[in-house]
Amino acid sequence: METLEGAAYEPDDPLAALAAVARRRRELEVEEYHHMLRARAAGVSLRGIAAALGVSKQAVHKKFARRASG
């Protein structure tokens, strides 16, 4: 099996598989935040970002506020 980066891991090792999933999740969180910042800088509303992500405006606000303050 391959990760998003193309690095192979042993599919029979569930801990290695979980570690690969966690790594991809962190990478996707960083990428999502980067694109959210770009969208906000371009004047996109939180409602527009929420629609693109398929979540509520409140979920985007909570996630964005948490990352922006941290």
PDB file of N, CA and C in Angstrom:
ATOM      1  N   MET A   1       0.840  -1.175   0.000  1.00  0.00           N
ATOM      2  CA  MET A   1       0.000   0.000   0.000  1.00  0.00           C
ATOM      3  C   MET A   1       0.884   1.236   0.000  1.00  0.00           C
ATOM      4  N   GLU A   2       0.375   2.364  -0.531  1.00  0.00           N
ATOM      5  CA  GLU A   2       1.156   3.594  -0.584  1.00  0.00           C
ATOM      6  C   GLU A   2       0.451   4.718   0.153  1.00  0.00           C
ATOM      7  N   THR A   3       1.244   5.643   0.679  1.00  0.00           N
ATOM      8  CA  THR A   3       0.695   6.845   1.288  1.00  0.00           C
ATOM      9  C   THR A   3       0.505   7.885   0.195  1.00  0.00           C
ATOM     10  N   LEU A   4      -0.035   9.029   0.557  1.00  0.00           N
ATOM     11  CA  LEU A   4      -0.223  10.098  -0.421  1.00  0.00           C
ATOM     12  C   LEU A   4       1.104  10.551  -1.020  1.00  0.00           C
ATOM     13  N   GLU A   5       2.171  10.485  -0.244  1.00  0.00           N
ATOM     14  CA  GLU A   5       3.478  10.905  -0.730  1.00  0.00           C
ATOM     15  C   GLU A   5       4.116   9.838  -1.617  1.00  0.00           C
ATOM     16  N   GLY A   6       3.497   8.693  -1.715  1.00  0.00           N
ATOM     17  CA  GLY A   6       4.046   7.620  -2.525  1.00  0.00           C
ATOM     18  C   GLY A   6       4.992   6.708  -1.771  1.00  0.00           C
ATOM     19  N   ALA A   7       5.179   6.967  -0.465  1.00  0.00           N
ATOM     20  CA  ALA A   7       6.074   6.118   0.324  1.00  0.00           C
ATOM     21  C   ALA A   7       5.327   4.855   0.730  1.00  0.00           C
ATOM     22  N   ALA A   8       5.911   3.731   0.456  1.00  0.00           N
ATOM     23  CA  ALA A   8       5.265   2.458   0.760  1.00  0.00           C
ATOM     24  C   ALA A   8       5.416   2.132   2.242  1.00  0.00           C
ATOM     25  N   TYR A   9       4.456   1.409   2.787  1.00  0.00           N
ATOM     26  CA  TYR A   9       4.569   0.873   4.129  1.00  0.00           C
ATOM     27  C   TYR A   9       4.032  -0.548   4.105  1.00  0.00           C
ATOM     28  N   GLU A  10       4.360  -1.290   5.109  1.00  0.00           N
ATOM     29  CA  GLU A  10       3.986  -2.704   5.179  1.00  0.00           C
ATOM     30  C   GLU A  10       2.518  -2.840   5.575  1.00  0.00           C
ATOM     31  N   PRO A  11       1.651  -3.325   4.675  1.00  0.00           N
ATOM     32  CA  PRO A  11       0.216  -3.415   4.989  1.00  0.00           C
ATOM     33  C   PRO A  11      -0.106  -4.401   6.102  1.00  0.00           C
ATOM     34  N   ASP A  12       0.805  -5.313   6.406  1.00  0.00           N
ATOM     35  CA  ASP A  12       0.568  -6.288   7.474  1.00  0.00           C
ATOM     36  C   ASP A  12       0.886  -5.727   8.854  1.00  0.00           C
ATOM     37  N   ASP A  13       1.470  -4.540   8.905  1.00  0.00           N
ATOM     38  CA  ASP A  13       1.829  -3.922  10.177  1.00  0.00           C
ATOM     39  C   ASP A  13       0.815  -2.818  10.495  1.00  0.00           C
ATOM     40  N   PRO A  14      -0.164  -3.119  11.349  1.00  0.00           N
ATOM     41  CA  PRO A  14      -1.214  -2.133  11.606  1.00  0.00           C
ATOM     42  C   PRO A  14      -0.696  -0.862  12.268  1.00  0.00           C
ATOM     43  N   LEU A  15       0.362  -0.951  13.061  1.00  0.00           N
ATOM     44  CA  LEU A  15       0.901   0.254  13.689  1.00  0.00           C
ATOM     45  C   LEU A  15       1.578   1.154  12.665  1.00  0.00           C
ATOM     46  N   ALA A  16       2.282   0.561  11.725  1.00  0.00           N
ATOM     47  CA  ALA A  16       2.894   1.348  10.658  1.00  0.00           C
ATOM     48  C   ALA A  16       1.813   1.988   9.791  1.00  0.00           C
ATOM     49  N   ALA A  17       0.743   1.249   9.537  1.00  0.00           N
ATOM     50  CA  ALA A  17      -0.362   1.788   8.742  1.00  0.00           C
ATOM     51  C   ALA A  17      -1.023   2.955   9.467  1.00  0.00           C
ATOM     52  N   LEU A  18      -1.247   2.814  10.771  1.00  0.00           N
ATOM     53  CA  LEU A  18      -1.836   3.900  11.545  1.00  0.00           C
ATOM     54  C   LEU A  18      -0.929   5.122  11.582  1.00  0.00           C
ATOM     55  N   ALA A  19       0.364   4.903  11.716  1.00  0.00           N
ATOM     56  CA  ALA A  19       1.314   6.018  11.713  1.00  0.00           C
ATOM     57  C   ALA A  19       1.285   6.743  10.364  1.00  0.00           C
ATOM     58  N   ALA A  20       1.157   5.992   9.283  1.00  0.00           N
ATOM     59  CA  ALA A  20       1.080   6.605   7.955  1.00  0.00           C
ATOM     60  C   ALA A  20      -0.194   7.430   7.808  1.00  0.00           C
ATOM     61  N   VAL A  21      -1.297   6.928   8.321  1.00  0.00           N
ATOM     62  CA  VAL A  21      -2.562   7.667   8.274  1.00  0.00           C
ATOM     63  C   VAL A  21      -2.451   8.957   9.087  1.00  0.00           C
ATOM     64  N   ALA A  22      -1.867   8.877  10.280  1.00  0.00           N
ATOM     65  CA  ALA A  22      -1.702  10.059  11.120  1.00  0.00           C
ATOM     66  C   ALA A  22      -0.825  11.098  10.435  1.00  0.00           C
ATOM     67  N   ARG A  23       0.237  10.651   9.794  1.00  0.00           N
ATOM     68  CA  ARG A  23       1.134  11.563   9.073  1.00  0.00           C
ATOM     69  C   ARG A  23       0.385  12.247   7.939  1.00  0.00           C
ATOM     70  N   ARG A  24      -0.397  11.494   7.167  1.00  0.00           N
ATOM     71  CA  ARG A  24      -1.164  12.083   6.066  1.00  0.00           C
ATOM     72  C   ARG A  24      -2.196  13.076   6.579  1.00  0.00           C
ATOM     73  N   ARG A  25      -2.839  12.727   7.712  1.00  0.00           N
ATOM     74  CA  ARG A  25      -3.834  13.623   8.297  1.00  0.00           C
ATOM     75  C   ARG A  25      -3.203  14.960   8.665  1.00  0.00           C
ATOM     76  N   ARG A  26      -2.021  14.922   9.285  1.00  0.00           N
ATOM     77  CA  ARG A  26      -1.333  16.168   9.649  1.00  0.00           C
ATOM     78  C   ARG A  26      -0.978  16.973   8.407  1.00  0.00           C
ATOM     79  N   GLU A  27      -0.493  16.303   7.373  1.00  0.00           N
ATOM     80  CA  GLU A  27      -0.140  16.988   6.127  1.00  0.00           C
ATOM     81  C   GLU A  27      -1.371  17.639   5.491  1.00  0.00           C
ATOM     82  N   LEU A  28      -2.496  16.931   5.506  1.00  0.00           N
ATOM     83  CA  LEU A  28      -3.720  17.479   4.926  1.00  0.00           C
ATOM     84  C   LEU A  28      -4.251  18.651   5.741  1.00  0.00           C
ATOM     85  N   GLU A  29      -4.113  18.600   7.064  1.00  0.00           N
ATOM     86  CA  GLU A  29      -4.533  19.720   7.910  1.00  0.00           C
ATOM     87  C   GLU A  29      -3.742  20.980   7.566  1.00  0.00           C
ATOM     88  N   VAL A  30      -2.440  20.831   7.377  1.00  0.00           N
ATOM     89  CA  VAL A  30      -1.600  21.971   7.015  1.00  0.00           C
ATOM     90  C   VAL A  30      -2.008  22.507   5.644  1.00  0.00           C
ATOM     91  N   GLU A  31      -2.223  21.617   4.698  1.00  0.00           N
ATOM     92  CA  GLU A  31      -2.623  22.036   3.358  1.00  0.00           C
ATOM     93  C   GLU A  31      -3.992  22.733   3.386  1.00  0.00           C
ATOM     94  N   GLU A  32      -4.932  22.179   4.136  1.00  0.00           N
ATOM     95  CA  GLU A  32      -6.260  22.781   4.240  1.00  0.00           C
ATOM     96  C   GLU A  32      -6.154  24.189   4.820  1.00  0.00           C
ATOM     97  N   TYR A  33      -5.385  24.357   5.869  1.00  0.00           N
ATOM     98  CA  TYR A  33      -5.235  25.667   6.503  1.00  0.00           C
ATOM     99  C   TYR A  33      -4.616  26.666   5.535  1.00  0.00           C
ATOM    100  N   HIS A  34      -3.608  26.247   4.798  1.00  0.00           N
ATOM    101  CA  HIS A  34      -2.963  27.105   3.808  1.00  0.00           C
ATOM    102  C   HIS A  34      -3.994  27.610   2.788  1.00  0.00           C
ATOM    103  N   HIS A  35      -4.811  26.706   2.270  1.00  0.00           N
ATOM    104  CA  HIS A  35      -5.806  27.091   1.271  1.00  0.00           C
ATOM    105  C   HIS A  35      -6.921  27.937   1.888  1.00  0.00           C
ATOM    106  N   MET A  36      -7.236  27.687   3.154  1.00  0.00           N
ATOM    107  CA  MET A  36      -8.223  28.515   3.833  1.00  0.00           C
ATOM    108  C   MET A  36      -7.699  29.946   3.967  1.00  0.00           C
ATOM    109  N   LEU A  37      -6.427  30.097   4.320  1.00  0.00           N
ATOM    110  CA  LEU A  37      -5.829  31.433   4.400  1.00  0.00           C
ATOM    111  C   LEU A  37      -5.850  32.131   3.043  1.00  0.00           C
ATOM    112  N   ARG A  38      -5.532  31.393   1.989  1.00  0.00           N
ATOM    113  CA  ARG A  38      -5.549  31.970   0.641  1.00  0.00           C
ATOM    114  C   ARG A  38      -6.960  32.402   0.259  1.00  0.00           C
ATOM    115  N   ALA A  39      -7.936  31.570   0.595  1.00  0.00           N
ATOM    116  CA  ALA A  39      -9.320  31.910   0.277  1.00  0.00           C
ATOM    117  C   ALA A  39      -9.754  33.162   1.035  1.00  0.00           C
ATOM    118  N   ARG A  40      -9.432  33.229   2.310  1.00  0.00           N
ATOM    119  CA  ARG A  40      -9.793  34.416   3.102  1.00  0.00           C
ATOM    120  C   ARG A  40      -9.112  35.660   2.555  1.00  0.00           C
ATOM    121  N   ALA A  41      -7.843  35.552   2.173  1.00  0.00           N
ATOM    122  CA  ALA A  41      -7.116  36.691   1.607  1.00  0.00           C
ATOM    123  C   ALA A  41      -7.739  37.144   0.285  1.00  0.00           C
ATOM    124  N   ALA A  42      -8.362  36.212  -0.419  1.00  0.00           N
ATOM    125  CA  ALA A  42      -9.023  36.536  -1.690  1.00  0.00           C
ATOM    126  C   ALA A  42     -10.453  37.040  -1.472  1.00  0.00           C
ATOM    127  N   GLY A  43     -10.865  37.144  -0.198  1.00  0.00           N
ATOM    128  CA  GLY A  43     -12.181  37.678   0.106  1.00  0.00           C
ATOM    129  C   GLY A  43     -13.296  36.658   0.173  1.00  0.00           C
ATOM    130  N   VAL A  44     -12.970  35.378   0.189  1.00  0.00           N
ATOM    131  CA  VAL A  44     -13.989  34.339   0.281  1.00  0.00           C
ATOM    132  C   VAL A  44     -14.524  34.310   1.717  1.00  0.00           C
ATOM    133  N   SER A  45     -15.835  34.235   1.845  1.00  0.00           N
ATOM    134  CA  SER A  45     -16.472  34.195   3.164  1.00  0.00           C
ATOM    135  C   SER A  45     -16.272  32.826   3.813  1.00  0.00           C
ATOM    136  N   LEU A  46     -16.474  32.801   5.137  1.00  0.00           N
ATOM    137  CA  LEU A  46     -16.425  31.522   5.836  1.00  0.00           C
ATOM    138  C   LEU A  46     -17.514  30.596   5.319  1.00  0.00           C
ATOM    139  N   ARG A  47     -18.651  31.154   4.929  1.00  0.00           N
ATOM    140  CA  ARG A  47     -19.732  30.349   4.356  1.00  0.00           C
ATOM    141  C   ARG A  47     -19.275  29.688   3.055  1.00  0.00           C
ATOM    142  N   GLY A  48     -18.534  30.431   2.222  1.00  0.00           N
ATOM    143  CA  GLY A  48     -18.016  29.864   0.977  1.00  0.00           C
ATOM    144  C   GLY A  48     -16.999  28.768   1.220  1.00  0.00           C
ATOM    145  N   ILE A  49     -16.124  28.989   2.195  1.00  0.00           N
ATOM    146  CA  ILE A  49     -15.128  27.976   2.549  1.00  0.00           C
ATOM    147  C   ILE A  49     -15.828  26.732   3.086  1.00  0.00           C
ATOM    148  N   ALA A  50     -16.832  26.946   3.939  1.00  0.00           N
ATOM    149  CA  ALA A  50     -17.583  25.823   4.500  1.00  0.00           C
ATOM    150  C   ALA A  50     -18.244  25.000   3.402  1.00  0.00           C
ATOM    151  N   ALA A  51     -18.821  25.685   2.429  1.00  0.00           N
ATOM    152  CA  ALA A  51     -19.466  24.975   1.322  1.00  0.00           C
ATOM    153  C   ALA A  51     -18.448  24.140   0.552  1.00  0.00           C
ATOM    154  N   ALA A  52     -17.266  24.702   0.321  1.00  0.00           N
ATOM    155  CA  ALA A  52     -16.223  23.977  -0.414  1.00  0.00           C
ATOM    156  C   ALA A  52     -15.756  22.741   0.349  1.00  0.00           C
ATOM    157  N   LEU A  53     -15.723  22.845   1.670  1.00  0.00           N
ATOM    158  CA  LEU A  53     -15.268  21.731   2.508  1.00  0.00           C
ATOM    159  C   LEU A  53     -16.393  20.763   2.870  1.00  0.00           C
ATOM    160  N   GLY A  54     -17.629  21.163   2.627  1.00  0.00           N
ATOM    161  CA  GLY A  54     -18.754  20.306   2.969  1.00  0.00           C
ATOM    162  C   GLY A  54     -19.033  20.241   4.458  1.00  0.00           C
ATOM    163  N   VAL A  55     -18.759  21.348   5.161  1.00  0.00           N
ATOM    164  CA  VAL A  55     -19.003  21.422   6.598  1.00  0.00           C
ATOM    165  C   VAL A  55     -19.790  22.693   6.898  1.00  0.00           C
ATOM    166  N   SER A  56     -20.130  22.896   8.159  1.00  0.00           N
ATOM    167  CA  SER A  56     -20.873  24.092   8.540  1.00  0.00           C
ATOM    168  C   SER A  56     -19.938  25.298   8.655  1.00  0.00           C
ATOM    169  N   LYS A  57     -20.536  26.479   8.541  1.00  0.00           N
ATOM    170  CA  LYS A  57     -19.777  27.715   8.729  1.00  0.00           C
ATOM    171  C   LYS A  57     -19.183  27.748  10.133  1.00  0.00           C
ATOM    172  N   GLN A  58     -19.933  27.256  11.110  1.00  0.00           N
ATOM    173  CA  GLN A  58     -19.454  27.240  12.494  1.00  0.00           C
ATOM    174  C   GLN A  58     -18.224  26.342  12.644  1.00  0.00           C
ATOM    175  N   ALA A  59     -18.209  25.221  11.930  1.00  0.00           N
ATOM    176  CA  ALA A  59     -17.052  24.319  11.997  1.00  0.00           C
ATOM    177  C   ALA A  59     -15.806  24.998  11.433  1.00  0.00           C
ATOM    178  N   VAL A  60     -15.978  25.722  10.330  1.00  0.00           N
ATOM    179  CA  VAL A  60     -14.844  26.435   9.737  1.00  0.00           C
ATOM    180  C   VAL A  60     -14.378  27.532  10.676  1.00  0.00           C
ATOM    181  N   HIS A  61     -15.314  28.273  11.243  1.00  0.00           N
ATOM    182  CA  HIS A  61     -14.949  29.360  12.161  1.00  0.00           C
ATOM    183  C   HIS A  61     -14.177  28.820  13.349  1.00  0.00           C
ATOM    184  N   LYS A  62     -14.661  27.722  13.922  1.00  0.00           N
ATOM    185  CA  LYS A  62     -13.990  27.122  15.080  1.00  0.00           C
ATOM    186  C   LYS A  62     -12.579  26.672  14.725  1.00  0.00           C
ATOM    187  N   LYS A  63     -12.432  25.985  13.594  1.00  0.00           N
ATOM    188  CA  LYS A  63     -11.119  25.493  13.183  1.00  0.00           C
ATOM    189  C   LYS A  63     -10.188  26.650  12.836  1.00  0.00           C
ATOM    190  N   PHE A  64     -10.703  27.630  12.112  1.00  0.00           N
ATOM    191  CA  PHE A  64      -9.881  28.766  11.688  1.00  0.00           C
ATOM    192  C   PHE A  64      -9.456  29.595  12.893  1.00  0.00           C
ATOM    193  N   ALA A  65     -10.374  29.859  13.820  1.00  0.00           N
ATOM    194  CA  ALA A  65     -10.057  30.658  15.002  1.00  0.00           C
ATOM    195  C   ALA A  65      -9.024  29.952  15.870  1.00  0.00           C
ATOM    196  N   ARG A  66      -9.154  28.640  16.006  1.00  0.00           N
ATOM    197  CA  ARG A  66      -8.214  27.870  16.837  1.00  0.00           C
ATOM    198  C   ARG A  66      -6.810  27.945  16.246  1.00  0.00           C
ATOM    199  N   ARG A  67      -6.689  27.758  14.923  1.00  0.00           N
ATOM    200  CA  ARG A  67      -5.367  27.780  14.277  1.00  0.00           C
ATOM    201  C   ARG A  67      -4.793  29.192  14.243  1.00  0.00           C
ATOM    202  N   ALA A  68      -5.637  30.198  14.022  1.00  0.00           N
ATOM    203  CA  ALA A  68      -5.166  31.584  13.919  1.00  0.00           C
ATOM    204  C   ALA A  68      -4.650  32.085  15.264  1.00  0.00           C
ATOM    205  N   SER A  69      -5.229  31.606  16.368  1.00  0.00           N
ATOM    206  CA  SER A  69      -4.805  32.072  17.683  1.00  0.00           C
ATOM    207  C   SER A  69      -3.630  31.271  18.219  1.00  0.00           C
ATOM    208  N   GLY A  70      -3.332  30.131  17.605  1.00  0.00           N
ATOM    209  CA  GLY A  70      -2.280  29.255  18.120  1.00  0.00           C
ATOM    210  C   GLY A  70      -1.025  29.466  17.488  1.00  0.00           C
TER     211      GLY A  70
END
